[in-house]
Protein backbone atom coordinates (compact mmCIF):
# COMPACT_ATOMS: atom_id res chain seq x y z
CA MET A 1 128.76 108.85 111.84
CA ASP A 2 130.55 107.89 114.92
CA HIS A 3 133.97 109.65 113.95
CA GLN A 4 135.66 108.31 117.20
CA LYS A 5 135.48 104.66 116.61
CA LEU A 6 136.10 105.22 112.72
CA ILE A 7 139.40 106.75 113.73
CA LEU A 8 140.36 104.29 116.47
CA ASP A 9 139.09 100.98 114.10
CA ARG A 10 141.66 102.50 110.93
CA LEU A 11 144.10 103.11 113.29
CA THR A 12 144.11 99.39 115.14
CA THR A 13 143.95 97.90 111.53
CA ILE A 14 147.10 99.93 110.15
CA LEU A 15 149.05 99.47 113.21
CA SER A 16 147.93 95.61 113.11
CA GLU A 17 149.52 95.75 109.43
CA THR A 18 153.07 97.54 110.60
CA ASP A 19 155.86 95.35 110.59
CA LYS A 20 156.83 94.53 114.60
CA SER A 21 160.19 93.84 114.18
CA ASN A 22 161.52 97.59 113.07
CA ALA A 23 160.65 98.57 116.50
CA ALA A 24 163.64 96.60 118.13
CA LYS A 25 165.84 97.80 115.24
CA LEU A 26 165.15 101.82 116.20
CA MET A 27 165.66 101.05 119.65
CA LYS A 28 168.94 99.70 118.99
CA LEU A 29 169.94 102.67 116.71
CA VAL A 30 168.79 105.41 118.90
CA ASP A 31 170.99 103.40 121.90
CA GLU A 32 173.66 103.64 119.82
CA ALA A 33 173.64 107.12 118.33
CA GLY A 34 175.81 109.91 119.85
CA ARG A 35 173.05 112.20 119.29
CA ILE A 36 169.69 112.05 117.72
CA PHE A 37 168.39 114.48 114.95
CA VAL A 38 164.25 114.21 114.58
CA GLY A 39 162.24 115.95 111.90
CA GLY A 40 159.30 116.05 109.71
CA ALA A 41 157.34 118.41 107.81
CA GLY A 42 153.50 119.60 108.60
CA ARG A 43 151.93 117.41 110.66
CA SER A 44 154.36 114.88 110.60
CA GLY A 45 156.58 117.38 111.99
CA LEU A 46 154.41 117.70 114.84
CA VAL A 47 154.68 113.95 115.37
CA SER A 48 158.24 113.89 115.16
CA ARG A 49 158.17 116.64 117.96
CA PHE A 50 156.06 114.20 120.09
CA PHE A 51 158.80 111.59 119.55
CA ALA A 52 161.54 114.26 120.05
CA MET A 53 160.32 115.37 123.55
CA ARG A 54 160.01 111.53 124.72
CA LEU A 55 163.39 110.50 123.57
CA VAL A 56 164.66 113.77 125.86
CA HIS A 57 162.07 112.49 128.72
CA SER A 58 163.83 108.99 128.53
CA GLY A 59 167.47 110.62 128.57
CA TYR A 60 168.43 111.01 125.39
CA ASN A 61 170.62 113.71 123.26
CA VAL A 62 168.04 115.06 120.85
CA ASN A 63 167.73 117.94 118.42
CA MET A 64 164.88 119.16 116.29
CA VAL A 65 165.94 119.70 112.61
CA GLY A 66 165.43 123.29 111.41
CA GLU A 67 165.64 124.81 115.29
CA ILE A 68 168.09 128.01 115.34
CA VAL A 69 170.00 126.03 118.26
CA THR A 70 170.27 123.04 116.52
CA PRO A 71 174.05 121.70 116.30
CA ALA A 72 175.90 120.51 113.11
CA ILE A 73 174.70 116.58 112.35
CA LYS A 74 178.37 113.92 112.38
CA ALA A 75 179.03 110.69 112.11
CA GLY A 76 177.86 108.76 114.82
CA ASP A 77 174.37 110.67 114.92
CA LEU A 78 171.07 109.45 114.14
CA LEU A 79 168.85 111.50 111.87
CA VAL A 80 165.05 110.06 112.44
CA LEU A 81 162.62 111.58 109.91
CA VAL A 82 158.74 111.38 109.78
CA SER A 83 157.50 111.40 105.89
CA GLY A 84 154.37 110.24 104.77
CA SER A 85 155.61 110.15 101.17
CA GLY A 86 159.20 109.59 101.81
CA GLY A 87 160.32 112.33 99.50
CA THR A 88 159.15 115.66 101.08
CA GLU A 89 160.89 118.09 98.97
CA THR A 90 162.04 120.45 101.83
CA LEU A 91 163.45 116.95 104.11
CA LEU A 92 165.79 115.45 100.80
CA PRO A 93 168.74 117.87 101.63
CA PHE A 94 168.37 116.56 105.36
CA VAL A 95 168.88 113.47 104.46
CA LYS A 96 171.88 114.43 101.62
CA LYS A 97 174.05 115.97 104.43
CA ALA A 98 173.26 113.41 107.55
CA LYS A 99 174.26 110.49 105.19
CA SER A 100 177.12 112.75 103.33
CA VAL A 101 178.99 113.26 107.30
CA GLY A 102 178.18 109.28 107.85
CA ALA A 103 175.39 109.93 110.25
CA LYS A 104 172.54 106.93 110.01
CA LEU A 105 169.19 107.49 108.96
CA VAL A 106 165.77 106.08 109.90
CA VAL A 107 162.68 107.34 107.82
CA ILE A 108 159.16 106.26 108.74
CA SER A 109 156.83 106.54 106.20
CA MET A 110 153.63 104.99 104.50
CA LYS A 111 156.03 103.90 101.65
CA ALA A 112 158.43 101.06 101.55
CA LYS A 113 159.91 102.44 98.69
CA SER A 114 161.12 106.07 98.46
CA ALA A 115 163.59 108.67 97.94
CA MET A 116 164.64 108.46 101.60
CA ALA A 117 164.19 105.20 101.76
CA GLU A 118 166.72 104.06 98.70
CA VAL A 119 169.46 105.63 101.53
CA ALA A 120 168.05 104.82 104.57
CA ASP A 121 169.90 102.63 107.53
CA LEU A 122 166.52 101.95 108.32
CA THR A 123 162.99 102.29 106.92
CA ILE A 124 159.59 101.78 109.05
CA GLN A 125 156.97 101.72 106.76
CA ILE A 126 153.83 102.31 108.84
CA GLY A 127 150.83 99.88 107.84
CA ASN A 128 151.50 98.68 103.88
CA ASP A 129 150.82 99.44 100.81
CA ASN A 130 147.43 99.02 100.91
CA SER A 131 146.64 100.47 104.49
CA PHE A 132 145.56 103.85 103.49
CA PRO A 133 142.65 104.12 101.33
CA LEU A 134 140.78 107.68 100.94
CA THR A 135 138.47 107.51 104.41
CA LYS A 136 135.82 109.93 104.97
CA GLY A 137 136.39 111.28 108.30
CA MET A 138 140.17 111.36 108.03
CA PRO A 139 141.17 113.56 105.75
CA MET A 140 144.96 114.17 103.93
CA GLY A 141 147.22 111.97 105.94
CA SER A 142 145.07 111.80 109.53
CA GLN A 143 145.70 107.93 109.34
CA PHE A 144 149.54 108.09 108.83
CA GLU A 145 150.10 110.65 111.40
CA LEU A 146 147.92 109.16 114.20
CA SER A 147 148.80 105.64 113.57
CA THR A 148 152.52 107.04 113.46
CA LEU A 149 152.17 108.62 116.54
CA ILE A 150 150.64 105.53 118.45
CA TYR A 151 153.29 103.49 117.02
CA LEU A 152 156.49 105.83 118.43
CA GLU A 153 154.61 106.05 121.94
CA ALA A 154 154.34 102.51 121.59
CA ILE A 155 158.61 102.39 121.61
CA ILE A 156 158.87 105.05 123.93
CA GLY A 157 156.94 102.63 126.44
CA ASP A 158 159.37 99.79 125.44
CA ILE A 159 162.41 102.21 125.82
CA ILE A 160 161.08 102.99 129.51
CA GLU A 161 160.47 99.17 130.40
CA ALA A 162 164.06 98.44 128.92
CA LYS A 163 165.74 101.40 130.80
CA GLY A 164 164.01 100.75 133.60
CA LEU A 165 162.57 104.27 133.89
CA THR A 166 160.59 106.09 136.33
CA GLU A 167 157.63 108.45 136.25
CA GLU A 168 159.37 110.16 138.49
CA GLY A 169 162.52 110.34 136.75
CA MET A 170 161.14 111.31 133.79
CA ARG A 171 159.42 113.87 135.21
CA ALA A 172 162.65 115.26 136.52
CA ILE A 173 164.03 115.60 133.00
CA HIS A 174 160.72 117.13 131.83
CA ALA A 175 160.89 120.96 130.70
CA ASN A 176 160.82 123.70 133.62
CA LEU A 177 160.55 126.58 131.63
CA GLU A 178 157.03 126.45 129.90
């Protein structure tokens, strides 16, 4: 079996089933935020790190949830969580804390309805309720994580275009203690 074709075909289908209007809503929340906090657990956490890094390259003040140097979230800030289920137990306390201090919450999930979605200012459902059948060759969440990675990278492309950012300018912000 050609797994590369399988993966690309599945991701193309999932992204074609994703509501395109939410990208502009996320960009608006990102632009309005004082600071942006990003998080997720497991592989979704890795995807959230990609997004956080690109936001930094785009000039935003970004913190990763759970890092030892992450400051307190407060009113005017934005929390963006990537959670396939929208109910990841380890992330729910972050949701509660963010909402209790008046921060905004964006949840990126494969479910439109979830514990996180109930209190989110914006829920971005990747695909739709039928977009993630068991697929041999794409085990344990691969479809969600990879399609979310591409979705968020495309939003970064939109931000770069909207802000008129250049590769040179972004490289100047890129980490130099690697």
